[in-house]
């Protein structure tokens, strides 16, 4: 199958041709026809599968056939990094069209807010927004969404994990009832099912199997107690073979402490987390992408928000909470047909989590011996599997009425 088979408007097809895109990915083949047919959609697909283009292309096609004078589409994303990434992809795909877009996100100064306000007042076709900043504009009366035709929730599972449910409900209260709804999620836990029932109408469901890690990734693990992790990480980073490194931790407090510990040991690193202002985050990413910063320490915010070629090592300082998060994290290395290494630290409490990851991979990850001089880590016993952490009390959150 080729993109030409979708019969996109010439300006959109010209953009695809210019970018060298000829064959759609599986999620694009499945989702695009349903979106072109104006059906609501719930899709389970990971980052790296082409899921962003799977909704952008049909929406850009429809916008080209409609009136350009109104806000046509709202895309909600969990982080400013993803919002910017989606907006950049719109600019590339829509280069030859008359479609306009803006990324709306918080974290900047008052000047950036006023810039967004002016752009929204002047009118754009697509808004890509994080929930909090969008609500600020909605309550100020900046945005008129009376003519909105499409709502997209991208990485909906991440938005719910970050506590955005009430914000999403409040935003939806501003939208026309007659609209097309598209929900994309890397995972499909019960809370996503509840959300989909609240906002989707007779949706078509598309599931793309969880992708396996790139064959170019060398996966390894250490069994290590928490108090030994910093020393182990320092010894690993002393290896001159690793020129560009991301260290993942599940909590921003851990990220801050770990970054400070590395700096005290003379290892130049930067902490990347949600407490940073936008200028600081952009400065860190520019230096990291430009190879002027070797080590980046962050939470899962950066596991789905960056695309940097040449990352030689990913370290899971602690085991990620879900197998899918493991895939996202280690997928930052071995991109664009390169190779890379992914190392996970497994303490005595996280063995069950890592056992679930190995179940998903279909094989065991090589466990390395700790360096000489370090005390022996815990024995590996992942046989006992943790129960689902879904709490039925979560349902109560879905009974809340939208804020007026």
Protein backbone atom coordinates (compact mmCIF):
# COMPACT_ATOMS: atom_id res chain seq x y z
CA UNK A 1 0.00 0.00 0.00
CA UNK A 2 1.16 3.56 -0.80
CA UNK A 3 0.12 6.97 0.52
CA UNK A 4 -1.25 7.76 -2.95
CA UNK A 5 -3.94 5.13 -2.33
CA UNK A 6 -5.57 7.45 0.23
CA UNK A 7 -6.22 10.10 -2.46
CA UNK A 8 -5.07 12.98 -0.30
CA UNK A 9 -5.40 16.50 -1.71
CA UNK A 10 -2.48 17.33 -4.05
CA UNK A 11 -0.85 19.84 -1.66
CA UNK A 12 -0.68 17.23 1.10
CA UNK A 13 0.60 14.49 -1.20
CA UNK A 14 3.26 16.91 -2.46
CA UNK A 15 4.48 17.33 1.11
CA UNK A 16 4.72 13.57 1.55
CA UNK A 17 6.61 13.21 -1.72
CA UNK A 18 9.04 15.97 -0.76
CA UNK A 19 9.73 14.30 2.60
CA UNK A 20 10.28 10.95 0.88
CA UNK A 21 7.32 9.21 2.54
CA UNK A 22 5.88 6.56 0.25
CA UNK A 23 4.58 3.62 2.30
CA UNK A 24 2.31 4.00 5.36
CA UNK A 25 3.10 2.17 8.60
CA UNK A 26 0.64 -0.42 9.99
CA UNK A 27 -1.07 2.10 12.32
CA UNK A 28 -1.42 4.53 9.41
CA UNK A 29 -2.92 1.86 7.16
CA UNK A 30 -5.44 0.95 9.86
CA UNK A 31 -6.37 4.39 11.22
CA UNK A 32 -6.39 6.75 8.22
CA UNK A 33 -9.41 5.22 6.39
CA UNK A 34 -11.55 5.36 9.56
CA UNK A 35 -10.60 8.98 10.26
CA UNK A 36 -11.34 9.96 6.65
CA UNK A 37 -14.76 8.33 7.13
CA UNK A 38 -15.46 10.65 10.11
CA UNK A 39 -15.58 7.79 12.63
CA UNK A 40 -14.51 8.12 16.25
CA UNK A 41 -11.40 6.08 16.93
CA UNK A 42 -9.56 4.56 19.87
CA UNK A 43 -6.10 3.38 18.90
CA UNK A 44 -3.42 1.58 20.89
CA UNK A 45 -0.04 2.38 19.37
CA UNK A 46 3.36 3.29 20.71
CA UNK A 47 5.68 6.14 19.91
CA UNK A 48 7.78 5.21 16.91
CA UNK A 49 4.96 3.50 15.02
CA UNK A 50 4.00 6.58 13.01
CA UNK A 51 0.86 7.21 15.07
CA UNK A 52 1.15 11.02 14.95
CA UNK A 53 1.01 11.10 11.15
CA UNK A 54 -1.82 8.55 11.28
CA UNK A 55 -4.16 11.27 12.57
CA UNK A 56 -2.44 14.37 11.19
CA UNK A 57 -2.60 13.31 7.55
CA UNK A 58 -6.37 12.66 7.33
CA UNK A 59 -7.13 15.76 9.43
CA UNK A 60 -4.94 17.97 7.23
CA UNK A 61 -6.71 16.51 4.19
CA UNK A 62 -10.11 17.38 5.62
CA UNK A 63 -9.02 20.87 6.67
CA UNK A 64 -7.86 21.56 3.12
CA UNK A 65 -11.35 20.74 1.87
CA UNK A 66 -13.04 22.99 4.43
CA UNK A 67 -13.16 26.62 5.55
CA UNK A 68 -9.76 27.79 6.83
CA UNK A 69 -11.11 30.70 8.86
CA UNK A 70 -11.85 28.79 12.10
CA UNK A 71 -10.14 26.57 14.65
CA UNK A 72 -10.81 23.15 13.20
CA UNK A 73 -8.82 20.71 15.36
CA UNK A 74 -7.67 20.51 18.97
CA UNK A 75 -4.87 18.09 19.89
CA UNK A 76 -4.19 17.55 23.60
CA UNK A 77 -0.78 16.21 24.66
CA UNK A 78 0.65 15.51 28.13
CA UNK A 79 3.92 17.47 27.85
CA UNK A 80 5.23 20.58 26.17
CA UNK A 81 7.94 18.49 24.47
CA UNK A 82 5.35 16.30 22.76
CA UNK A 83 3.20 19.34 21.90
CA UNK A 84 6.18 20.99 20.19
CA UNK A 85 7.07 17.76 18.42
CA UNK A 86 3.53 17.39 17.03
CA UNK A 87 3.47 21.04 15.95
CA UNK A 88 6.79 20.59 14.12
CA UNK A 89 5.40 17.54 12.34
CA UNK A 90 2.35 19.56 11.27
CA UNK A 91 4.61 22.23 9.80
CA UNK A 92 6.47 19.59 7.78
CA UNK A 93 3.43 17.70 6.49
CA UNK A 94 1.37 20.84 5.81
CA UNK A 95 4.17 22.83 4.16
CA UNK A 96 2.40 23.06 0.80
CA UNK A 97 -1.07 23.51 2.26
CA UNK A 98 -2.73 26.60 3.73
CA UNK A 99 -3.12 24.99 7.16
CA UNK A 100 -1.83 26.83 10.23
CA UNK A 101 -1.08 25.57 13.74
CA UNK A 102 0.21 26.66 17.13
CA UNK A 103 1.67 24.84 20.14
CA UNK A 104 0.14 26.08 23.41
CA UNK A 105 1.97 25.11 26.58
CA UNK A 106 2.91 26.50 29.96
CA UNK A 107 6.23 27.03 31.66
CA UNK A 108 7.23 30.22 29.87
CA UNK A 109 7.03 33.85 30.93
CA UNK A 110 4.17 36.32 30.50
CA UNK A 111 5.51 37.28 27.07
CA UNK A 112 5.07 33.74 25.71
CA UNK A 113 1.51 33.68 27.07
CA UNK A 114 0.70 36.95 25.28
CA UNK A 115 2.26 35.61 22.08
CA UNK A 116 0.03 32.56 22.26
CA UNK A 117 -2.96 34.76 23.02
CA UNK A 118 -2.38 36.95 19.95
CA UNK A 119 -1.93 33.92 17.67
CA UNK A 120 -5.10 32.30 18.99
CA UNK A 121 -7.04 35.53 18.56
CA UNK A 122 -5.79 35.94 14.98
CA UNK A 123 -6.95 32.40 14.25
CA UNK A 124 -5.27 29.08 13.48
CA UNK A 125 -6.57 25.78 12.13
CA UNK A 126 -4.94 23.40 14.61
CA UNK A 127 -4.14 23.92 18.29
CA UNK A 128 -1.68 21.50 19.91
CA UNK A 129 -1.90 22.07 23.65
CA UNK A 130 -1.10 20.83 27.10
CA UNK A 131 -4.26 20.85 29.24
CA UNK A 132 -3.26 23.38 31.90
CA UNK A 133 -2.22 26.22 29.61
CA UNK A 134 -5.21 25.63 27.32
CA UNK A 135 -7.59 26.05 30.26
CA UNK A 136 -5.94 29.38 31.08
CA UNK A 137 -6.76 30.62 27.56
CA UNK A 138 -10.25 29.17 27.64
CA UNK A 139 -11.15 30.88 30.91
CA UNK A 140 -9.79 34.20 29.62
CA UNK A 141 -12.06 34.00 26.56
CA UNK A 142 -9.12 33.99 24.13
CA UNK A 143 -10.28 30.97 22.13
CA UNK A 144 -13.50 30.43 20.22
CA UNK A 145 -14.06 26.70 19.71
CA UNK A 146 -17.63 26.92 18.42
CA UNK A 147 -16.58 25.61 15.00
CA UNK A 148 -14.26 22.84 16.22
CA UNK A 149 -14.71 19.58 14.31
CA UNK A 150 -11.97 17.29 15.64
CA UNK A 151 -10.59 16.45 19.09
CA UNK A 152 -7.44 14.33 19.45
CA UNK A 153 -6.12 12.98 22.75
CA UNK A 154 -2.52 11.90 22.16
CA UNK A 155 -0.80 9.67 24.72
CA UNK A 156 -4.01 9.63 26.72
CA UNK A 157 -2.62 7.11 29.21
CA UNK A 158 0.21 9.46 30.09
CA UNK A 159 -2.20 12.37 30.55
CA UNK A 160 -4.27 10.37 33.01
CA UNK A 161 -1.15 9.18 34.84
CA UNK A 162 -0.18 12.85 35.24
CA UNK A 163 -3.57 13.69 36.78
CA UNK A 164 -5.15 15.55 33.85
CA UNK A 165 -8.54 13.83 33.93
CA UNK A 166 -10.44 16.77 35.44
CA UNK A 167 -8.72 19.18 33.05
CA UNK A 168 -9.71 17.05 30.06
CA UNK A 169 -13.34 16.95 31.19
CA UNK A 170 -13.33 20.70 31.71
CA UNK A 171 -11.87 21.34 28.25
CA UNK A 172 -14.47 19.07 26.64
CA UNK A 173 -17.22 21.16 28.27
CA UNK A 174 -16.13 24.04 25.99
CA UNK A 175 -16.37 21.99 22.78
CA UNK A 176 -19.30 21.46 20.38
CA UNK A 177 -21.09 18.18 20.99
CA UNK A 178 -20.93 17.29 17.31
CA UNK A 179 -17.29 16.52 16.60
CA UNK A 180 -14.98 13.64 15.69
CA UNK A 181 -13.00 12.21 18.63
CA UNK A 182 -9.70 10.37 18.28
CA UNK A 183 -7.98 8.80 21.28
CA UNK A 184 -4.43 7.45 21.00
CA UNK A 185 -2.75 5.59 23.84
CA UNK A 186 0.38 3.46 24.18
CA UNK A 187 -1.40 1.26 26.72
CA UNK A 188 -5.04 0.41 27.31
CA UNK A 189 -5.60 0.20 31.10
CA UNK A 190 -9.13 0.27 32.58
CA UNK A 191 -9.06 4.02 33.17
CA UNK A 192 -8.56 4.63 29.45
CA UNK A 193 -11.59 2.45 28.75
CA UNK A 194 -13.67 4.57 31.11
CA UNK A 195 -12.46 7.78 29.49
CA UNK A 196 -13.22 6.46 26.01
CA UNK A 197 -16.79 5.62 27.02
CA UNK A 198 -17.24 9.18 28.26
CA UNK A 199 -16.13 10.98 25.11
CA UNK A 200 -16.23 8.60 22.13
CA UNK A 201 -19.33 7.67 20.11
CA UNK A 202 -19.42 4.14 18.65
CA UNK A 203 -15.67 4.17 18.14
CA UNK A 204 -13.68 1.94 15.85
CA UNK A 205 -10.83 0.26 17.72
CA UNK A 206 -7.35 -0.22 16.28
CA UNK A 207 -4.64 -2.15 18.11
CA UNK A 208 -1.06 -2.32 16.93
CA UNK A 209 0.96 -4.96 18.78
CA UNK A 210 3.57 -3.73 21.22
CA UNK A 211 6.75 -3.25 19.24
CA UNK A 212 9.85 -5.13 20.29
CA UNK A 213 13.08 -3.28 21.02
CA UNK A 214 15.42 -2.65 18.11
CA UNK A 215 17.78 -5.51 17.39
CA UNK A 216 20.59 -2.97 17.62
CA UNK A 217 20.06 -2.57 21.39
CA UNK A 218 22.30 -4.61 23.68
CA UNK A 219 20.13 -5.18 26.77
CA UNK A 220 21.83 -5.83 30.11
CA UNK A 221 20.95 -5.65 33.82
CA UNK A 222 22.58 -5.54 37.23
CA UNK A 223 21.13 -6.89 40.47
CA UNK A 224 22.06 -4.13 42.91
CA UNK A 225 20.85 -2.67 46.20
CA UNK A 226 19.69 0.95 46.18
CA UNK A 227 22.59 2.23 48.28
CA UNK A 228 25.07 0.84 45.72
CA UNK A 229 23.40 2.30 42.61
CA UNK A 230 25.26 5.63 42.56
CA UNK A 231 28.68 3.98 42.72
CA UNK A 232 27.70 1.51 40.01
CA UNK A 233 26.41 4.27 37.74
CA UNK A 234 29.59 6.33 38.24
CA UNK A 235 31.73 3.36 37.22
CA UNK A 236 29.61 2.75 34.12
CA UNK A 237 29.76 6.42 33.07
CA UNK A 238 33.53 6.38 33.46
CA UNK A 239 33.61 4.17 30.35
CA UNK A 240 34.73 6.50 27.55
CA UNK A 241 32.83 4.35 25.03
CA UNK A 242 29.56 6.04 26.06
CA UNK A 243 29.54 9.52 24.47
CA UNK A 244 25.84 10.32 24.89
CA UNK A 245 23.82 8.93 27.83
CA UNK A 246 20.29 9.18 29.20
CA UNK A 247 19.67 8.01 32.78
CA UNK A 248 16.01 7.38 33.60
CA UNK A 249 14.45 7.50 37.06
CA UNK A 250 10.74 7.23 37.82
CA UNK A 251 10.51 10.24 40.19
CA UNK A 252 11.72 13.80 39.68
CA UNK A 253 12.99 13.91 43.28
CA UNK A 254 15.27 10.98 42.44
CA UNK A 255 16.37 12.74 39.25
CA UNK A 256 17.41 15.84 41.21
CA UNK A 257 19.30 13.89 43.88
CA UNK A 258 21.04 11.67 41.35
CA UNK A 259 22.10 14.60 39.18
CA UNK A 260 23.61 16.36 42.20
CA UNK A 261 25.45 13.17 43.20
CA UNK A 262 26.93 12.80 39.70
CA UNK A 263 28.04 16.45 39.65
CA UNK A 264 29.77 15.98 43.01
CA UNK A 265 31.70 13.08 41.51
CA UNK A 266 32.85 15.30 38.65
CA UNK A 267 30.45 13.89 36.04
CA UNK A 268 28.90 16.69 33.99
CA UNK A 269 25.16 16.00 33.78
CA UNK A 270 21.87 17.90 33.76
CA UNK A 271 18.55 17.05 35.38
CA UNK A 272 15.52 17.25 33.10
CA UNK A 273 12.16 17.38 34.91
CA UNK A 274 8.83 19.18 35.06
CA UNK A 275 9.98 21.83 37.57
CA UNK A 276 12.29 23.47 35.03
CA UNK A 277 11.08 26.53 33.12
CA UNK A 278 10.80 26.29 29.35
CA UNK A 279 13.99 28.23 28.59
CA UNK A 280 16.02 25.90 30.82
CA UNK A 281 14.52 22.80 29.23
CA UNK A 282 15.20 24.04 25.72
CA UNK A 283 18.77 25.01 26.62
CA UNK A 284 19.45 21.54 28.03
CA UNK A 285 18.00 19.79 24.99
CA UNK A 286 19.96 21.99 22.55
CA UNK A 287 23.21 21.16 24.35
CA UNK A 288 22.35 17.46 24.55
CA UNK A 289 21.39 17.19 20.88
CA UNK A 290 24.50 19.18 19.93
CA UNK A 291 26.71 16.72 21.89
CA UNK A 292 27.83 19.51 24.25
CA UNK A 293 26.23 17.66 27.17
CA UNK A 294 27.07 13.98 27.60
CA UNK A 295 24.69 12.86 30.36
CA UNK A 296 21.00 13.67 30.72
CA UNK A 297 19.13 12.53 33.85
CA UNK A 298 15.35 12.58 33.56
CA UNK A 299 11.95 11.04 34.14
CA UNK A 300 9.72 9.37 31.56
CA UNK A 301 8.85 12.86 30.30
CA UNK A 302 11.82 12.51 27.95
CA UNK A 303 11.21 8.87 27.01
CA UNK A 304 8.49 9.92 24.56
CA UNK A 305 9.43 13.53 23.89
CA UNK A 306 12.80 13.48 22.14
CA UNK A 307 14.28 11.97 19.00
CA UNK A 308 18.07 12.15 19.12
CA UNK A 309 20.31 10.00 16.94
CA UNK A 310 23.57 8.79 18.47
CA UNK A 311 22.58 8.06 22.07
CA UNK A 312 25.00 5.29 23.00
CA UNK A 313 23.66 4.30 26.42
CA UNK A 314 20.35 4.30 28.28
CA UNK A 315 20.38 3.47 31.99
CA UNK A 316 17.23 2.58 33.91
CA UNK A 317 18.32 3.72 37.37
CA UNK A 318 15.18 1.99 38.59
CA UNK A 319 12.92 -0.47 36.80
CA UNK A 320 10.16 1.37 34.90
CA UNK A 321 6.61 0.85 36.21
CA UNK A 322 5.26 -0.80 33.03
CA UNK A 323 6.80 -2.98 30.31
CA UNK A 324 5.69 -0.42 27.71
CA UNK A 325 7.68 2.28 29.53
CA UNK A 326 10.74 0.04 29.28
CA UNK A 327 10.30 -0.11 25.51
CA UNK A 328 9.96 3.68 25.31
CA UNK A 329 13.01 4.27 27.46
CA UNK A 330 15.48 1.94 25.79
CA UNK A 331 14.12 2.96 22.39
CA UNK A 332 15.98 6.28 22.76
CA UNK A 333 19.15 4.42 21.75
CA UNK A 334 19.87 2.47 18.54
CA UNK A 335 17.80 4.86 16.43
CA UNK A 336 18.18 5.31 12.66
CA UNK A 337 19.90 1.94 12.27
CA UNK A 338 22.58 2.69 14.88
CA UNK A 339 23.46 0.48 17.84
CA UNK A 340 23.35 1.17 21.56
CA UNK A 341 23.30 -0.31 25.06
CA UNK A 342 20.49 -0.36 27.62
CA UNK A 343 21.33 -1.19 31.25
CA UNK A 344 18.75 -1.66 34.01
CA UNK A 345 19.40 -1.62 37.76
CA UNK A 346 17.22 -4.19 39.55
CA UNK A 347 16.91 -3.95 43.33
CA UNK A 348 15.24 -6.48 45.61
CA UNK A 349 11.84 -4.74 45.35
CA UNK A 350 11.68 -4.33 41.55
CA UNK A 351 12.29 -7.92 40.51
CA UNK A 352 8.63 -8.67 39.84
CA UNK A 353 8.39 -5.62 37.58
CA UNK A 354 11.41 -6.72 35.60
CA UNK A 355 10.00 -10.22 35.36
CA UNK A 356 6.97 -8.74 33.59
CA UNK A 357 9.31 -6.95 31.18
CA UNK A 358 11.09 -10.20 30.36
CA UNK A 359 7.72 -11.89 29.85
CA UNK A 360 6.83 -9.23 27.29
CA UNK A 361 10.24 -9.51 25.58
CA UNK A 362 9.93 -13.28 25.43
CA UNK A 363 13.46 -13.80 26.72
CA UNK A 364 15.68 -13.14 29.71
CA UNK A 365 17.93 -10.08 29.81
CA UNK A 366 21.59 -10.80 30.52
CA UNK A 367 22.46 -10.18 34.20
CA UNK A 368 26.01 -8.86 34.63
CA UNK A 369 28.27 -9.38 37.63
CA UNK A 370 28.88 -6.27 39.71
CA UNK A 371 32.33 -4.66 39.42
CA UNK A 372 35.04 -5.92 41.76
CA UNK A 373 34.89 -4.34 45.18
CA UNK A 374 31.11 -3.92 45.27
CA UNK A 375 29.04 -6.10 47.58
CA UNK A 376 26.94 -8.79 45.94
CA UNK A 377 23.44 -7.75 44.97
CA UNK A 378 20.15 -9.54 45.69
CA UNK A 379 19.33 -12.90 44.16
CA UNK A 380 16.97 -12.72 41.19
CA UNK A 381 13.57 -14.28 41.83
CA UNK A 382 10.88 -12.80 39.56
CA UNK A 383 8.47 -15.77 39.76
CA UNK A 384 5.87 -13.99 41.87
CA UNK A 385 4.01 -11.49 39.71
CA UNK A 386 2.44 -8.30 41.17
CA UNK A 387 -1.28 -7.86 40.87
CA UNK A 388 -2.74 -5.04 38.78
CA UNK A 389 -2.50 -1.68 40.54
CA UNK A 390 -5.85 -0.55 39.17
CA UNK A 391 -8.07 0.66 41.98
CA UNK A 392 -11.83 0.37 41.39
CA UNK A 393 -12.23 3.57 43.42
CA UNK A 394 -10.77 5.29 40.35
CA UNK A 395 -14.25 5.00 38.83
CA UNK A 396 -15.49 7.68 41.19
CA UNK A 397 -13.35 10.23 39.37
CA UNK A 398 -15.37 9.65 36.22
CA UNK A 399 -18.60 10.62 37.93
CA UNK A 400 -17.47 14.17 38.57
CA UNK A 401 -19.34 16.82 36.64
CA UNK A 402 -17.34 19.21 34.45
CA UNK A 403 -16.44 22.53 36.01
CA UNK A 404 -18.77 25.30 34.81
